[in-house]
C-alpha cells in the first residue's frame, strides 16, 4: 500500500482538530433544550409539528410548511406526529450546520437592534443578557463594546456599536451569546 504524501498527512491532522460545522457548544445545546421545555407545555417530553415550526421561526429560520413536515417525518420514527427532545436537538444541530456563522451573527444583531437603528447600545446588550440569563455585568458589557469600537483607555466609552463591531465581539468571545 502506498503511503500518503507528507503534506497530505498534515492537512488531515489539522482538519481533525477543527470541529464539524454542525457541532453544538454546550451552551447552544442547553438553550435548545430549554426552548424544547418551553414548547412542551404538557410536560409529555414531546412536541408536534406546529411547535417545531414556532421554534424554527423564533431562532431565525424561515421554513416552509413542507420543510417542517419533512423534518417531522424524517425524525418522527414512531409516526406519532411528535418528536422528543433529543430529536429536536438533532434538528437544530443540523440546521446550525447549514447556516454560515456570519449569517447567524447578522441575524442575531438584527434581532437585538430593537430600535432598528443599525447599532446596538449598552441598554440593548443589557436587555439581551438579562433575557437569555447570561451573567454579564454592565462593566463587562461596556468593556466589550469599548474593545470592539477601538476605544483606548482614558477615552470616552462607546455609546453604541455597529454590526461589524458586534461580530468582532462575538467572534472574539464565541461562548458568549447575546
Protein backbone atom coordinates (compact mmCIF):
# COMPACT_ATOMS: atom_id res chain seq x y z
CA UNK A 1 0.00 0.00 0.00
CA UNK A 2 1.42 3.42 -0.96
CA UNK A 3 1.88 5.96 1.79
CA UNK A 4 0.22 9.37 1.57
CA UNK A 5 2.36 12.37 0.64
CA UNK A 6 3.75 14.16 3.72
CA UNK A 7 1.77 17.35 3.06
CA UNK A 8 -1.45 15.37 2.89
CA UNK A 9 -0.98 13.90 6.35
CA UNK A 10 -0.50 17.32 7.91
CA UNK A 11 -3.65 18.64 6.27
CA UNK A 12 -5.67 15.72 7.62
CA UNK A 13 -4.29 16.21 11.11
CA UNK A 14 -5.26 19.87 11.07
CA UNK A 15 -8.75 19.12 9.80
CA UNK A 16 -9.36 16.57 12.52
CA UNK A 17 -8.77 19.24 15.17
CA UNK A 18 -11.46 21.53 13.75
CA UNK A 19 -14.93 20.55 14.96
CA UNK A 20 -17.56 19.96 12.29
CA UNK A 21 -19.78 22.94 11.44
CA UNK A 22 -22.81 21.13 12.81
CA UNK A 23 -21.31 20.69 16.28
CA UNK A 24 -23.15 22.49 19.07
CA UNK A 25 -21.45 24.09 22.03
CA UNK A 26 -22.69 23.01 25.43
CA UNK A 27 -24.36 26.44 25.81
CA UNK A 28 -26.18 26.09 22.46
CA UNK A 29 -27.36 22.58 23.38
CA UNK A 30 -28.63 23.87 26.73
CA UNK A 31 -30.52 26.75 25.09
CA UNK A 32 -32.11 24.42 22.53
CA UNK A 33 -33.19 22.03 25.29
CA UNK A 34 -34.64 24.97 27.25
CA UNK A 35 -36.59 26.05 24.15
CA UNK A 36 -37.97 22.50 23.88
CA UNK A 37 -39.04 22.56 27.54
CA UNK A 38 -40.89 25.85 26.99
CA UNK A 39 -42.73 24.42 23.98
CA UNK A 40 -43.56 21.18 25.81
CA UNK A 41 -46.41 22.82 27.75
CA UNK A 42 -47.98 19.48 28.71
CA UNK A 43 -44.71 18.07 30.05
CA UNK A 44 -45.06 15.00 27.83
CA UNK A 45 -41.48 15.11 26.59
CA UNK A 46 -42.77 15.53 23.03
CA UNK A 47 -43.78 18.41 20.73
CA UNK A 48 -45.73 18.49 17.48
CA UNK A 49 -45.14 19.97 14.03
CA UNK A 50 -46.68 23.34 14.96
CA UNK A 51 -44.33 23.70 17.94
CA UNK A 52 -41.32 22.82 15.77
CA UNK A 53 -42.36 25.47 13.24
CA UNK A 54 -42.64 28.08 16.03
CA UNK A 55 -39.20 27.12 17.38
CA UNK A 56 -37.54 27.31 13.97
CA UNK A 57 -39.01 30.75 13.29
CA UNK A 58 -38.11 32.01 16.77
CA UNK A 59 -34.50 31.04 16.16
CA UNK A 60 -34.33 32.90 12.87
CA UNK A 61 -35.08 30.19 10.35
CA UNK A 62 -37.90 30.73 7.85
CA UNK A 63 -39.01 27.20 6.99
CA UNK A 64 -41.88 26.49 4.63
CA UNK A 65 -44.63 24.21 5.93
CA UNK A 66 -43.47 21.40 3.65
CA UNK A 67 -39.91 21.70 5.08
CA UNK A 68 -41.23 21.40 8.64
CA UNK A 69 -43.37 18.45 7.60
CA UNK A 70 -40.28 16.74 6.10
CA UNK A 71 -38.23 17.43 9.26
CA UNK A 72 -41.01 15.83 11.30
CA UNK A 73 -41.31 12.77 9.06
CA UNK A 74 -37.51 12.34 8.98
CA UNK A 75 -37.29 12.45 12.79
CA UNK A 76 -40.62 11.01 13.97
CA UNK A 77 -39.62 7.35 13.76
CA UNK A 78 -42.71 6.17 15.67
CA UNK A 79 -45.11 8.06 13.34
CA UNK A 80 -46.73 9.64 16.38
CA UNK A 81 -46.89 13.14 14.93
CA UNK A 82 -44.46 14.30 17.61
CA UNK A 83 -40.72 14.40 18.32
CA UNK A 84 -38.81 14.12 21.58
CA UNK A 85 -36.16 16.45 23.00
CA UNK A 86 -33.20 14.55 21.52
CA UNK A 87 -34.76 14.61 18.06
CA UNK A 88 -35.44 18.35 18.49
CA UNK A 89 -31.78 18.97 19.41
CA UNK A 90 -30.64 16.94 16.38
CA UNK A 91 -32.83 19.02 14.06
CA UNK A 92 -31.24 22.23 15.35
CA UNK A 93 -27.75 20.77 15.24
CA UNK A 94 -28.26 20.08 11.57
CA UNK A 95 -29.87 23.48 10.92
CA UNK A 96 -26.94 25.30 12.55
CA UNK A 97 -24.60 23.40 10.27
CA UNK A 98 -26.49 24.73 7.24
CA UNK A 99 -26.06 28.37 8.25
CA UNK A 100 -22.86 30.36 7.94
CA UNK A 101 -21.71 31.94 11.24
CA UNK A 102 -21.68 35.48 9.74
CA UNK A 103 -25.30 34.96 8.69
CA UNK A 104 -26.23 33.87 12.22
CA UNK A 105 -24.39 36.82 13.76
CA UNK A 106 -26.05 39.24 11.38
CA UNK A 107 -29.44 37.76 12.21
CA UNK A 108 -28.69 38.00 15.94
CA UNK A 109 -27.69 41.65 15.53
CA UNK A 110 -30.96 42.41 13.75
CA UNK A 111 -32.96 40.73 16.50
CA UNK A 112 -31.16 42.73 19.18
CA UNK A 113 -31.39 46.05 17.30
CA UNK A 114 -34.86 46.67 18.71
CA UNK A 115 -34.94 50.30 17.54
CA UNK A 116 -33.78 49.25 14.02
CA UNK A 117 -31.07 51.93 14.16
CA UNK A 118 -28.29 49.80 12.73
CA UNK A 119 -26.44 49.96 16.05
CA UNK A 120 -26.64 48.35 19.48
CA UNK A 121 -26.49 50.35 22.68
CA UNK A 122 -25.39 49.28 26.14
CA UNK A 123 -29.10 49.13 27.05
CA UNK A 124 -29.74 46.71 24.14
CA UNK A 125 -26.91 44.46 25.33
CA UNK A 126 -28.15 44.60 28.94
CA UNK A 127 -31.69 43.62 27.92
CA UNK A 128 -30.39 40.77 25.82
CA UNK A 129 -28.14 39.34 28.52
CA UNK A 130 -30.97 39.53 31.06
CA UNK A 131 -33.40 37.89 28.65
CA UNK A 132 -31.13 34.90 27.99
CA UNK A 133 -29.90 34.63 31.57
CA UNK A 134 -26.28 35.49 30.78
CA UNK A 135 -24.37 36.77 33.82
CA UNK A 136 -22.51 39.72 32.23
CA UNK A 137 -22.21 42.89 34.32
CA UNK A 138 -22.68 46.40 32.92
CA UNK A 139 -18.93 46.92 33.28
CA UNK A 140 -18.16 43.75 31.29
CA UNK A 141 -20.59 44.75 28.54
CA UNK A 142 -19.13 48.26 28.38
CA UNK A 143 -15.63 46.81 28.21
CA UNK A 144 -16.64 44.56 25.29
CA UNK A 145 -18.25 47.50 23.49
CA UNK A 146 -15.17 49.67 24.03
CA UNK A 147 -12.86 46.95 22.76
CA UNK A 148 -14.97 46.34 19.66
CA UNK A 149 -15.20 50.09 18.96
CA UNK A 150 -11.45 50.56 19.42
CA UNK A 151 -11.78 52.85 22.44
CA UNK A 152 -8.42 53.35 24.20
CA UNK A 153 -8.01 53.58 27.99
CA UNK A 154 -8.92 57.06 29.16
CA UNK A 155 -11.10 57.81 26.12
CA UNK A 156 -14.85 58.24 26.38
CA UNK A 157 -16.87 54.99 26.44
CA UNK A 158 -18.51 53.75 23.25
CA UNK A 159 -22.22 54.58 23.24
CA UNK A 160 -23.15 52.12 20.54
CA UNK A 161 -21.64 49.51 18.25
CA UNK A 162 -22.19 48.62 14.59
CA UNK A 163 -22.92 45.19 13.17
CA UNK A 164 -19.23 44.78 12.29
CA UNK A 165 -18.20 45.66 15.85
CA UNK A 166 -20.84 43.28 17.23
CA UNK A 167 -19.40 40.48 15.09
CA UNK A 168 -15.94 41.34 16.42
CA UNK A 169 -17.23 40.84 19.99
CA UNK A 170 -18.95 37.58 19.14
CA UNK A 171 -16.01 36.12 17.23
CA UNK A 172 -13.58 37.15 19.97
CA UNK A 173 -15.77 35.57 22.68
CA UNK A 174 -17.57 32.64 20.99
CA UNK A 175 -19.09 31.20 24.17
CA UNK A 176 -20.94 34.46 24.93
CA UNK A 177 -24.21 34.53 23.03
CA UNK A 178 -26.20 37.72 23.27
